Amino acid sequence: MEGNGWEWDSSLYRGSAAYYARGRLPYPTALAEALTVELRLDGSGRLLDVGCGPGSLTLLLAGGFEQAIGIDADADMIREAGRLAAQAAIPNTRWVCMRAEDLPAGLGRFELITFAQSFHWMERPKVAAAVHHMLEPGGVCAHVHAKTYQGIAGTIATPYPKPPHAAIEKLVHAYLGPVRRAGASLLPNGTASGEDAIYQAAGFTRQRRIDVRGSVVTRTTDDVVAVVFSLSSSTPHLFGETLASFETELRQLLHNASPNGMFSEHTHEIGIDIWQRQSG
């Protein structure tokens, strides 16, 4: 990641793959429907999902393409994506363990290339330049702005209590310290922003923005525990020998907040920026 002194390392999401798909709030089918209409997806062409994790977005969009490829630098994420694809009987997918910085890697050209909660972990100018040349004429890059690890704070009424995210964060800090962890290093200033300038410098023009509304979802205690362990700042390996005691305290905290083990929260709106490949 440029500009903040942090460098990627292979432990960033170590041990989190098994928790990610369950813990993160799912991308809604409305996202796929909006892209299908906007991009006139008809089951042909190819999709590349960069930094796909366990395939959360790849699997949702795969039906709109002849082939969908997901790449991720974490081998466990790729294995989990393959398992979920087989479980869902989605055969037109391919999963590749690699860093985005190694693109194009002979993967060919695509009608759509997506980044969903992943671009900020990469050497963005290098990756943006690479994917620009991997798009078919008329192809687009979609940058998905989402916050799937927690819902909206505030006074929106829900059927069950909201997960106590502030208390959970305080507990994580008690075990791991107040400065955000990220793999083998720290990330005191958070992840990088300013992606618009990166895309423009790589030769993209933003065409439009698609917004997908949030909704109220119900979660269990196990779901909330899973989302904590899905985060780069609280992956299981960071706790070392204190992992069991942390989870015990976390589950007690959640029980105190909702003794029946049920939670609700309103998901954030998802924004999708569509970036058009300039000719040349």
C-alpha atoms as a PDB file:
ATOM      1  CA  MET A   1       0.000   0.000   0.000  1.00  0.00           C
ATOM      2  CA  GLU A   2       1.508   3.286  -1.122  1.00  0.00           C
ATOM      3  CA  GLY A   3       2.092   6.273   1.078  1.00  0.00           C
ATOM      4  CA  ASN A   4       1.752   5.001   4.650  1.00  0.00           C
ATOM      5  CA  GLY A   5       4.806   2.823   5.211  1.00  0.00           C
ATOM      6  CA  TRP A   6       2.789  -0.404   5.437  1.00  0.00           C
ATOM      7  CA  GLU A   7       3.775  -3.349   3.273  1.00  0.00           C
ATOM      8  CA  TRP A   8       1.654  -6.355   2.448  1.00  0.00           C
ATOM      9  CA  ASP A   9       2.635  -9.700   3.953  1.00  0.00           C
ATOM     10  CA  SER A  10       1.114 -13.139   3.657  1.00  0.00           C
ATOM     11  CA  SER A  11      -0.243 -13.163   7.216  1.00  0.00           C
ATOM     12  CA  LEU A  12      -2.728 -10.330   6.555  1.00  0.00           C
ATOM     13  CA  TYR A  13      -5.781 -12.624   6.603  1.00  0.00           C
ATOM     14  CA  ARG A  14      -4.190 -15.785   7.972  1.00  0.00           C
ATOM     15  CA  GLY A  15      -6.780 -18.017   9.592  1.00  0.00           C
ATOM     16  CA  SER A  16      -9.756 -15.847   8.630  1.00  0.00           C
ATOM     17  CA  ALA A  17     -10.996 -17.625   5.485  1.00  0.00           C
ATOM     18  CA  ALA A  18     -13.242 -20.042   7.374  1.00  0.00           C
ATOM     19  CA  TYR A  19     -14.919 -17.112   9.124  1.00  0.00           C
ATOM     20  CA  TYR A  20     -15.167 -14.626   6.253  1.00  0.00           C
ATOM     21  CA  ALA A  21     -18.114 -15.947   4.252  1.00  0.00           C
ATOM     22  CA  ARG A  22     -20.204 -16.507   7.380  1.00  0.00           C
ATOM     23  CA  GLY A  23     -19.214 -13.396   9.271  1.00  0.00           C
ATOM     24  CA  ARG A  24     -19.388 -10.719   6.586  1.00  0.00           C
ATOM     25  CA  LEU A  25     -22.777  -9.341   5.652  1.00  0.00           C
ATOM     26  CA  PRO A  26     -23.527 -10.801   2.201  1.00  0.00           C
ATOM     27  CA  TYR A  27     -23.630  -8.706  -0.932  1.00  0.00           C
ATOM     28  CA  PRO A  28     -27.331  -8.426  -1.834  1.00  0.00           C
ATOM     29  CA  THR A  29     -28.804  -9.917  -4.973  1.00  0.00           C
ATOM     30  CA  ALA A  30     -29.864  -6.350  -5.821  1.00  0.00           C
ATOM     31  CA  LEU A  31     -26.190  -5.617  -6.520  1.00  0.00           C
ATOM     32  CA  ALA A  32     -26.030  -8.322  -9.174  1.00  0.00           C
ATOM     33  CA  GLU A  33     -29.376  -7.230 -10.597  1.00  0.00           C
ATOM     34  CA  ALA A  34     -28.215  -3.608 -10.856  1.00  0.00           C
ATOM     35  CA  LEU A  35     -25.000  -4.566 -12.644  1.00  0.00           C
ATOM     36  CA  THR A  36     -26.865  -6.947 -14.940  1.00  0.00           C
ATOM     37  CA  VAL A  37     -29.128  -4.134 -16.089  1.00  0.00           C
ATOM     38  CA  GLU A  38     -26.437  -1.443 -16.203  1.00  0.00           C
ATOM     39  CA  LEU A  39     -23.891  -3.543 -18.102  1.00  0.00           C
ATOM     40  CA  ARG A  40     -26.402  -5.663 -20.041  1.00  0.00           C
ATOM     41  CA  LEU A  41     -24.907  -8.898 -18.817  1.00  0.00           C
ATOM     42  CA  ASP A  42     -26.197 -11.854 -20.823  1.00  0.00           C
ATOM     43  CA  GLY A  43     -24.151 -14.855 -19.721  1.00  0.00           C
ATOM     44  CA  SER A  44     -21.336 -14.253 -22.190  1.00  0.00           C
ATOM     45  CA  GLY A  45     -17.901 -12.717 -21.654  1.00  0.00           C
ATOM     46  CA  ARG A  46     -15.561 -13.010 -18.716  1.00  0.00           C
ATOM     47  CA  LEU A  47     -15.359 -11.556 -15.199  1.00  0.00           C
ATOM     48  CA  LEU A  48     -12.204 -11.023 -13.123  1.00  0.00           C
ATOM     49  CA  ASP A  49     -12.669 -10.351  -9.398  1.00  0.00           C
ATOM     50  CA  VAL A  50      -9.416  -9.005  -7.942  1.00  0.00           C
ATOM     51  CA  GLY A  51      -8.867  -9.725  -4.252  1.00  0.00           C
ATOM     52  CA  CYS A  52     -11.867 -12.038  -4.258  1.00  0.00           C
ATOM     53  CA  GLY A  53     -11.512 -13.468  -0.749  1.00  0.00           C
ATOM     54  CA  PRO A  54     -13.797 -16.521  -0.470  1.00  0.00           C
ATOM     55  CA  GLY A  55     -15.624 -15.478  -3.641  1.00  0.00           C
ATOM     56  CA  SER A  56     -18.375 -13.429  -1.998  1.00  0.00           C
ATOM     57  CA  LEU A  57     -18.834 -11.161  -5.018  1.00  0.00           C
ATOM     58  CA  THR A  58     -17.481 -13.538  -7.673  1.00  0.00           C
ATOM     59  CA  LEU A  59     -20.114 -16.179  -6.951  1.00  0.00           C
ATOM     60  CA  LEU A  60     -22.902 -13.595  -6.891  1.00  0.00           C
ATOM     61  CA  LEU A  61     -21.958 -12.279 -10.353  1.00  0.00           C
ATOM     62  CA  ALA A  62     -20.813 -15.512 -12.010  1.00  0.00           C
ATOM     63  CA  GLY A  63     -24.203 -16.228 -13.568  1.00  0.00           C
ATOM     64  CA  GLY A  64     -23.863 -13.165 -15.773  1.00  0.00           C
ATOM     65  CA  PHE A  65     -20.748 -14.487 -17.507  1.00  0.00           C
ATOM     66  CA  GLU A  66     -19.409 -17.428 -19.436  1.00  0.00           C
ATOM     67  CA  GLN A  67     -16.464 -17.579 -17.027  1.00  0.00           C
ATOM     68  CA  ALA A  68     -15.712 -15.878 -13.711  1.00  0.00           C
ATOM     69  CA  ILE A  69     -12.156 -15.835 -12.329  1.00  0.00           C
ATOM     70  CA  GLY A  70     -11.333 -14.837  -8.769  1.00  0.00           C
ATOM     71  CA  ILE A  71      -7.788 -14.108  -7.649  1.00  0.00           C
ATOM     72  CA  ASP A  72      -6.538 -13.634  -4.111  1.00  0.00           C
ATOM     73  CA  ALA A  73      -3.145 -13.699  -2.432  1.00  0.00           C
ATOM     74  CA  ASP A  74      -4.378 -15.860   0.467  1.00  0.00           C
ATOM     75  CA  ALA A  75      -4.343 -19.574  -0.378  1.00  0.00           C
ATOM     76  CA  ASP A  76      -6.957 -20.397   2.269  1.00  0.00           C
ATOM     77  CA  MET A  77      -9.327 -17.830   0.769  1.00  0.00           C
ATOM     78  CA  ILE A  78      -8.933 -19.431  -2.652  1.00  0.00           C
ATOM     79  CA  ARG A  79      -9.581 -22.904  -1.235  1.00  0.00           C
ATOM     80  CA  GLU A  80     -12.683 -21.635   0.568  1.00  0.00           C
ATOM     81  CA  ALA A  81     -13.922 -19.968  -2.627  1.00  0.00           C
ATOM     82  CA  GLY A  82     -13.530 -23.248  -4.503  1.00  0.00           C
ATOM     83  CA  ARG A  83     -15.383 -25.120  -1.783  1.00  0.00           C
ATOM     84  CA  LEU A  84     -18.260 -22.634  -1.788  1.00  0.00           C
ATOM     85  CA  ALA A  85     -18.461 -22.686  -5.594  1.00  0.00           C
ATOM     86  CA  ALA A  86     -18.730 -26.486  -5.546  1.00  0.00           C
ATOM     87  CA  GLN A  87     -21.299 -26.364  -2.745  1.00  0.00           C
ATOM     88  CA  ALA A  88     -23.405 -23.876  -4.707  1.00  0.00           C
ATOM     89  CA  ALA A  89     -22.920 -25.831  -7.962  1.00  0.00           C
ATOM     90  CA  ILE A  90     -21.462 -22.852  -9.826  1.00  0.00           C
ATOM     91  CA  PRO A  91     -19.170 -24.562 -12.356  1.00  0.00           C
ATOM     92  CA  ASN A  92     -18.067 -21.617 -14.512  1.00  0.00           C
ATOM     93  CA  THR A  93     -15.585 -20.322 -11.927  1.00  0.00           C
ATOM     94  CA  ARG A  94     -11.817 -20.510 -11.684  1.00  0.00           C
ATOM     95  CA  TRP A  95      -9.767 -19.603  -8.631  1.00  0.00           C
ATOM     96  CA  VAL A  96      -6.141 -18.453  -8.751  1.00  0.00           C
ATOM     97  CA  CYS A  97      -3.880 -17.807  -5.765  1.00  0.00           C
ATOM     98  CA  MET A  98      -1.782 -14.801  -6.719  1.00  0.00           C
ATOM     99  CA  ARG A  99      -1.149 -11.182  -5.840  1.00  0.00           C
ATOM    100  CA  ALA A 100      -2.832  -8.528  -7.936  1.00  0.00           C
ATOM    101  CA  GLU A 101       0.581  -6.981  -8.514  1.00  0.00           C
ATOM    102  CA  ASP A 102       1.465 -10.014 -10.664  1.00  0.00           C
ATOM    103  CA  LEU A 103      -1.272  -9.312 -13.210  1.00  0.00           C
ATOM    104  CA  PRO A 104      -1.848  -9.830 -16.098  1.00  0.00           C
ATOM    105  CA  ALA A 105      -0.331 -13.294 -15.496  1.00  0.00           C
ATOM    106  CA  GLY A 106      -1.637 -14.658 -18.784  1.00  0.00           C
ATOM    107  CA  LEU A 107      -5.269 -14.549 -17.647  1.00  0.00           C
ATOM    108  CA  GLY A 108      -6.497 -12.902 -20.834  1.00  0.00           C
ATOM    109  CA  ARG A 109      -9.056 -10.162 -21.329  1.00  0.00           C
ATOM    110  CA  PHE A 110     -12.315  -9.413 -19.565  1.00  0.00           C
ATOM    111  CA  GLU A 111     -15.572  -7.534 -20.005  1.00  0.00           C
ATOM    112  CA  LEU A 112     -15.730  -6.684 -16.292  1.00  0.00           C
ATOM    113  CA  ILE A 113     -13.015  -6.422 -13.626  1.00  0.00           C
ATOM    114  CA  THR A 114     -14.125  -5.842 -10.034  1.00  0.00           C
ATOM    115  CA  PHE A 115     -12.521  -4.649  -6.820  1.00  0.00           C
ATOM    116  CA  ALA A 116     -14.665  -5.096  -3.708  1.00  0.00           C
ATOM    117  CA  GLN A 117     -13.081  -4.060  -0.391  1.00  0.00           C
ATOM    118  CA  SER A 118      -9.689  -5.073  -1.785  1.00  0.00           C
ATOM    119  CA  PHE A 119      -8.084  -2.261  -3.806  1.00  0.00           C
ATOM    120  CA  HIS A 120      -6.724  -0.478  -0.708  1.00  0.00           C
ATOM    121  CA  TRP A 121      -4.471  -3.478   0.097  1.00  0.00           C
ATOM    122  CA  MET A 122      -2.640  -3.264  -3.218  1.00  0.00           C
ATOM    123  CA  GLU A 123       0.019  -1.248  -5.015  1.00  0.00           C
ATOM    124  CA  ARG A 124      -2.810   0.615  -6.624  1.00  0.00           C
ATOM    125  CA  PRO A 125      -1.135   2.478  -9.507  1.00  0.00           C
ATOM    126  CA  LYS A 126       0.557  -0.718 -10.679  1.00  0.00           C
ATOM    127  CA  VAL A 127      -2.597  -2.804 -10.406  1.00  0.00           C
ATOM    128  CA  ALA A 128      -4.834  -0.185 -12.032  1.00  0.00           C
ATOM    129  CA  ALA A 129      -2.458   0.095 -14.986  1.00  0.00           C
ATOM    130  CA  ALA A 130      -2.396  -3.684 -15.381  1.00  0.00           C
ATOM    131  CA  VAL A 131      -6.159  -4.165 -15.360  1.00  0.00           C
ATOM    132  CA  HIS A 132      -6.665  -1.261 -17.775  1.00  0.00           C
ATOM    133  CA  HIS A 133      -4.856  -3.301 -20.408  1.00  0.00           C
ATOM    134  CA  MET A 134      -6.785  -6.479 -19.505  1.00  0.00           C
ATOM    135  CA  LEU A 135     -10.195  -5.090 -20.442  1.00  0.00           C
ATOM    136  CA  GLU A 136     -11.836  -5.822 -23.746  1.00  0.00           C
ATOM    137  CA  PRO A 137     -12.793  -2.773 -25.845  1.00  0.00           C
ATOM    138  CA  GLY A 138     -15.856  -1.386 -24.120  1.00  0.00           C
ATOM    139  CA  GLY A 139     -15.025  -3.262 -20.934  1.00  0.00           C
ATOM    140  CA  VAL A 140     -15.328  -1.646 -17.520  1.00  0.00           C
ATOM    141  CA  CYS A 141     -13.859  -1.797 -14.067  1.00  0.00           C
ATOM    142  CA  ALA A 142     -16.284  -1.714 -11.129  1.00  0.00           C
ATOM    143  CA  HIS A 143     -15.082  -0.441  -7.764  1.00  0.00           C
ATOM    144  CA  VAL A 144     -17.460  -1.629  -5.050  1.00  0.00           C
ATOM    145  CA  HIS A 145     -17.653   0.595  -1.970  1.00  0.00           C
ATOM    146  CA  ALA A 146     -19.054  -1.545   0.814  1.00  0.00           C
ATOM    147  CA  LYS A 147     -18.835  -2.046   4.569  1.00  0.00           C
ATOM    148  CA  THR A 148     -19.840  -5.632   5.195  1.00  0.00           C
ATOM    149  CA  TYR A 149     -18.280  -6.147   8.609  1.00  0.00           C
ATOM    150  CA  GLN A 150     -20.925  -4.129  10.449  1.00  0.00           C
ATOM    151  CA  GLY A 151     -24.163  -2.292   9.872  1.00  0.00           C
ATOM    152  CA  ILE A 152     -25.233   1.295  10.369  1.00  0.00           C
ATOM    153  CA  ALA A 153     -24.887   2.748  13.842  1.00  0.00           C
ATOM    154  CA  GLY A 154     -27.722   4.868  15.131  1.00  0.00           C
ATOM    155  CA  THR A 155     -31.388   4.673  15.975  1.00  0.00           C
ATOM    156  CA  ILE A 156     -32.827   2.583  13.132  1.00  0.00           C
ATOM    157  CA  ALA A 157     -35.273   0.146  14.739  1.00  0.00           C
ATOM    158  CA  THR A 158     -34.395  -3.551  14.436  1.00  0.00           C
ATOM    159  CA  PRO A 159     -36.143  -6.745  15.631  1.00  0.00           C
ATOM    160  CA  TYR A 160     -33.223  -7.732  17.847  1.00  0.00           C
ATOM    161  CA  PRO A 161     -30.410  -5.796  19.559  1.00  0.00           C
ATOM    162  CA  LYS A 162     -27.623  -4.475  17.358  1.00  0.00           C
ATOM    163  CA  PRO A 163     -24.226  -6.173  17.808  1.00  0.00           C
ATOM    164  CA  PRO A 164     -22.193  -4.181  20.372  1.00  0.00           C
ATOM    165  CA  HIS A 165     -19.457  -3.218  17.903  1.00  0.00           C
ATOM    166  CA  ALA A 166     -17.919  -0.501  20.097  1.00  0.00           C
ATOM    167  CA  ALA A 167     -17.596  -2.918  23.041  1.00  0.00           C
ATOM    168  CA  ILE A 168     -16.141  -5.586  20.738  1.00  0.00           C
ATOM    169  CA  GLU A 169     -13.537  -3.126  19.457  1.00  0.00           C
ATOM    170  CA  LYS A 170     -12.635  -2.215  23.028  1.00  0.00           C
ATOM    171  CA  LEU A 171     -12.153  -5.903  23.868  1.00  0.00           C
ATOM    172  CA  VAL A 172      -9.932  -6.421  20.805  1.00  0.00           C
ATOM    173  CA  HIS A 173      -7.807  -3.451  21.870  1.00  0.00           C
ATOM    174  CA  ALA A 174      -7.471  -4.921  25.352  1.00  0.00           C
ATOM    175  CA  TYR A 175      -5.850  -8.007  23.816  1.00  0.00           C
ATOM    176  CA  LEU A 176      -4.013  -6.571  20.812  1.00  0.00           C
ATOM    177  CA  GLY A 177      -3.368  -2.958  21.754  1.00  0.00           C
ATOM    178  CA  PRO A 178      -5.001   0.285  20.602  1.00  0.00           C
ATOM    179  CA  VAL A 179      -3.193   0.594  17.263  1.00  0.00           C
ATOM    180  CA  ARG A 180      -4.795  -1.313  14.407  1.00  0.00           C
ATOM    181  CA  ARG A 181      -2.999  -4.528  13.506  1.00  0.00           C
ATOM    182  CA  ALA A 182      -2.535  -5.590   9.889  1.00  0.00           C
ATOM    183  CA  GLY A 183      -0.581  -8.759   9.262  1.00  0.00           C
ATOM    184  CA  ALA A 184       2.901  -8.558  10.734  1.00  0.00           C
ATOM    185  CA  SER A 185       2.780  -4.790  11.142  1.00  0.00           C
ATOM    186  CA  LEU A 186       0.583  -1.921  12.285  1.00  0.00           C
ATOM    187  CA  LEU A 187      -1.739   0.375  10.382  1.00  0.00           C
ATOM    188  CA  PRO A 188      -2.170   3.440  12.612  1.00  0.00           C
ATOM    189  CA  ASN A 189      -3.665   5.691   9.918  1.00  0.00           C
ATOM    190  CA  GLY A 190      -6.062   3.183   8.395  1.00  0.00           C
ATOM    191  CA  THR A 191      -6.207   2.052   4.794  1.00  0.00           C
ATOM    192  CA  ALA A 192      -5.514   4.245   1.779  1.00  0.00           C
ATOM    193  CA  SER A 193      -8.169   6.328   0.020  1.00  0.00           C
ATOM    194  CA  GLY A 194      -8.188   8.587  -3.021  1.00  0.00           C
ATOM    195  CA  GLU A 195      -8.775   5.828  -5.550  1.00  0.00           C
ATOM    196  CA  ASP A 196     -10.389   8.191  -8.077  1.00  0.00           C
ATOM    197  CA  ALA A 197      -7.041   9.789  -8.893  1.00  0.00           C
ATOM    198  CA  ILE A 198      -5.453   6.337  -9.215  1.00  0.00           C
ATOM    199  CA  TYR A 199      -8.019   5.168 -11.768  1.00  0.00           C
ATOM    200  CA  GLN A 200      -7.789   8.390 -13.749  1.00  0.00           C
ATOM    201  CA  ALA A 201      -4.004   8.252 -13.893  1.00  0.00           C
ATOM    202  CA  ALA A 202      -4.237   4.688 -15.216  1.00  0.00           C
ATOM    203  CA  GLY A 203      -6.428   5.812 -18.119  1.00  0.00           C
ATOM    204  CA  PHE A 204      -9.955   5.255 -16.793  1.00  0.00           C
ATOM    205  CA  THR A 205     -12.923   7.596 -17.007  1.00  0.00           C
ATOM    206  CA  ARG A 206     -15.680   7.264 -14.427  1.00  0.00           C
ATOM    207  CA  GLN A 207     -18.957   6.800 -16.243  1.00  0.00           C
ATOM    208  CA  ARG A 208     -21.505   6.528 -13.480  1.00  0.00           C
ATOM    209  CA  ARG A 209     -22.286   5.498  -9.917  1.00  0.00           C
ATOM    210  CA  ILE A 210     -24.775   2.802  -8.959  1.00  0.00           C
ATOM    211  CA  ASP A 211     -26.227   2.805  -5.449  1.00  0.00           C
ATOM    212  CA  VAL A 212     -27.777  -0.259  -3.821  1.00  0.00           C
ATOM    213  CA  ARG A 213     -29.852   0.339  -0.702  1.00  0.00           C
ATOM    214  CA  GLY A 214     -29.247  -1.500   2.546  1.00  0.00           C
ATOM    215  CA  SER A 215     -31.714  -3.620   4.479  1.00  0.00           C
ATOM    216  CA  VAL A 216     -32.233  -5.111   7.936  1.00  0.00           C
ATOM    217  CA  VAL A 217     -30.583  -8.496   8.447  1.00  0.00           C
ATOM    218  CA  THR A 218     -30.608 -10.908  11.382  1.00  0.00           C
ATOM    219  CA  ARG A 219     -27.397 -12.328  12.831  1.00  0.00           C
ATOM    220  CA  THR A 220     -26.534 -14.971  15.421  1.00  0.00           C
ATOM    221  CA  THR A 221     -23.813 -14.947  18.044  1.00  0.00           C
ATOM    222  CA  ASP A 222     -21.739 -17.292  15.867  1.00  0.00           C
ATOM    223  CA  ASP A 223     -22.110 -14.878  12.934  1.00  0.00           C
ATOM    224  CA  VAL A 224     -20.827 -11.970  15.026  1.00  0.00           C
ATOM    225  CA  VAL A 225     -17.894 -14.015  16.347  1.00  0.00           C
ATOM    226  CA  ALA A 226     -17.090 -14.951  12.749  1.00  0.00           C
ATOM    227  CA  VAL A 227     -17.054 -11.338  11.593  1.00  0.00           C
ATOM    228  CA  VAL A 228     -14.537 -10.431  14.308  1.00  0.00           C
ATOM    229  CA  PHE A 229     -12.179 -13.184  13.158  1.00  0.00           C
ATOM    230  CA  SER A 230     -12.718 -12.214   9.499  1.00  0.00           C
ATOM    231  CA  LEU A 231     -11.109  -8.805  10.021  1.00  0.00           C
ATOM    232  CA  SER A 232      -7.473  -8.174   9.151  1.00  0.00           C
ATOM    233  CA  SER A 233      -7.173  -6.320  12.474  1.00  0.00           C
ATOM    234  CA  SER A 234      -8.344  -9.308  14.537  1.00  0.00           C
ATOM    235  CA  THR A 235      -7.510 -12.464  12.589  1.00  0.00           C
ATOM    236  CA  PRO A 236      -7.156 -15.523  14.859  1.00  0.00           C
ATOM    237  CA  HIS A 237      -3.366 -15.795  14.585  1.00  0.00           C
ATOM    238  CA  LEU A 238      -2.873 -12.314  16.066  1.00  0.00           C
ATOM    239  CA  PHE A 239      -4.133 -13.533  19.460  1.00  0.00           C
ATOM    240  CA  GLY A 240      -1.609 -16.350  19.771  1.00  0.00           C
ATOM    241  CA  GLU A 241      -2.042 -18.272  23.025  1.00  0.00           C
ATOM    242  CA  THR A 242      -4.769 -15.878  24.205  1.00  0.00           C
ATOM    243  CA  LEU A 243      -7.181 -16.819  21.395  1.00  0.00           C
ATOM    244  CA  ALA A 244      -9.351 -19.118  23.524  1.00  0.00           C
ATOM    245  CA  SER A 245      -9.676 -16.635  26.375  1.00  0.00           C
ATOM    246  CA  PHE A 246     -10.483 -13.821  23.933  1.00  0.00           C
ATOM    247  CA  GLU A 247     -13.258 -15.858  22.321  1.00  0.00           C
ATOM    248  CA  THR A 248     -14.670 -16.766  25.730  1.00  0.00           C
ATOM    249  CA  GLU A 249     -14.822 -13.095  26.710  1.00  0.00           C
ATOM    250  CA  LEU A 250     -16.261 -12.149  23.316  1.00  0.00           C
ATOM    251  CA  ARG A 251     -19.064 -14.701  23.612  1.00  0.00           C
ATOM    252  CA  GLN A 252     -19.856 -13.555  27.148  1.00  0.00           C
ATOM    253  CA  LEU A 253     -20.028  -9.959  25.938  1.00  0.00           C
ATOM    254  CA  LEU A 254     -22.434 -11.002  23.184  1.00  0.00           C
ATOM    255  CA  HIS A 255     -24.546 -13.049  25.591  1.00  0.00           C
ATOM    256  CA  ASN A 256     -24.864 -10.024  27.865  1.00  0.00           C
ATOM    257  CA  ALA A 257     -26.000  -7.921  24.897  1.00  0.00           C
ATOM    258  CA  SER A 258     -28.528 -10.486  23.652  1.00  0.00           C
ATOM    259  CA  PRO A 259     -29.145 -13.534  25.875  1.00  0.00           C
ATOM    260  CA  ASN A 260     -31.086 -15.343  23.132  1.00  0.00           C
ATOM    261  CA  GLY A 261     -28.111 -15.040  20.780  1.00  0.00           C
ATOM    262  CA  MET A 262     -29.943 -13.042  18.105  1.00  0.00           C
ATOM    263  CA  PHE A 263     -28.890  -9.695  16.668  1.00  0.00           C
ATOM    264  CA  SER A 264     -30.111  -7.410  13.895  1.00  0.00           C
ATOM    265  CA  GLU A 265     -28.540  -4.545  12.004  1.00  0.00           C
ATOM    266  CA  HIS A 266     -29.254  -2.390   8.981  1.00  0.00           C
ATOM    267  CA  THR A 267     -26.658  -2.866   6.269  1.00  0.00           C
ATOM    268  CA  HIS A 268     -24.861   0.060   4.684  1.00  0.00           C
ATOM    269  CA  GLU A 269     -25.713   1.289   1.208  1.00  0.00           C
ATOM    270  CA  ILE A 270     -23.339  -0.101  -1.402  1.00  0.00           C
ATOM    271  CA  GLY A 271     -21.901   2.203  -4.048  1.00  0.00           C
ATOM    272  CA  ILE A 272     -20.453   0.931  -7.326  1.00  0.00           C
ATOM    273  CA  ASP A 273     -18.292   3.217  -9.418  1.00  0.00           C
ATOM    274  CA  ILE A 274     -18.139   2.186 -13.073  1.00  0.00           C
ATOM    275  CA  TRP A 275     -14.821   3.083 -14.700  1.00  0.00           C
ATOM    276  CA  GLN A 276     -14.602   2.951 -18.471  1.00  0.00           C
ATOM    277  CA  ARG A 277     -11.409   1.901 -20.202  1.00  0.00           C
ATOM    278  CA  GLN A 278     -10.139   4.684 -22.434  1.00  0.00           C
ATOM    279  CA  SER A 279      -9.047   3.656 -25.899  1.00  0.00           C
ATOM    280  CA  GLY A 280      -5.393   3.580 -26.794  1.00  0.00           C
END
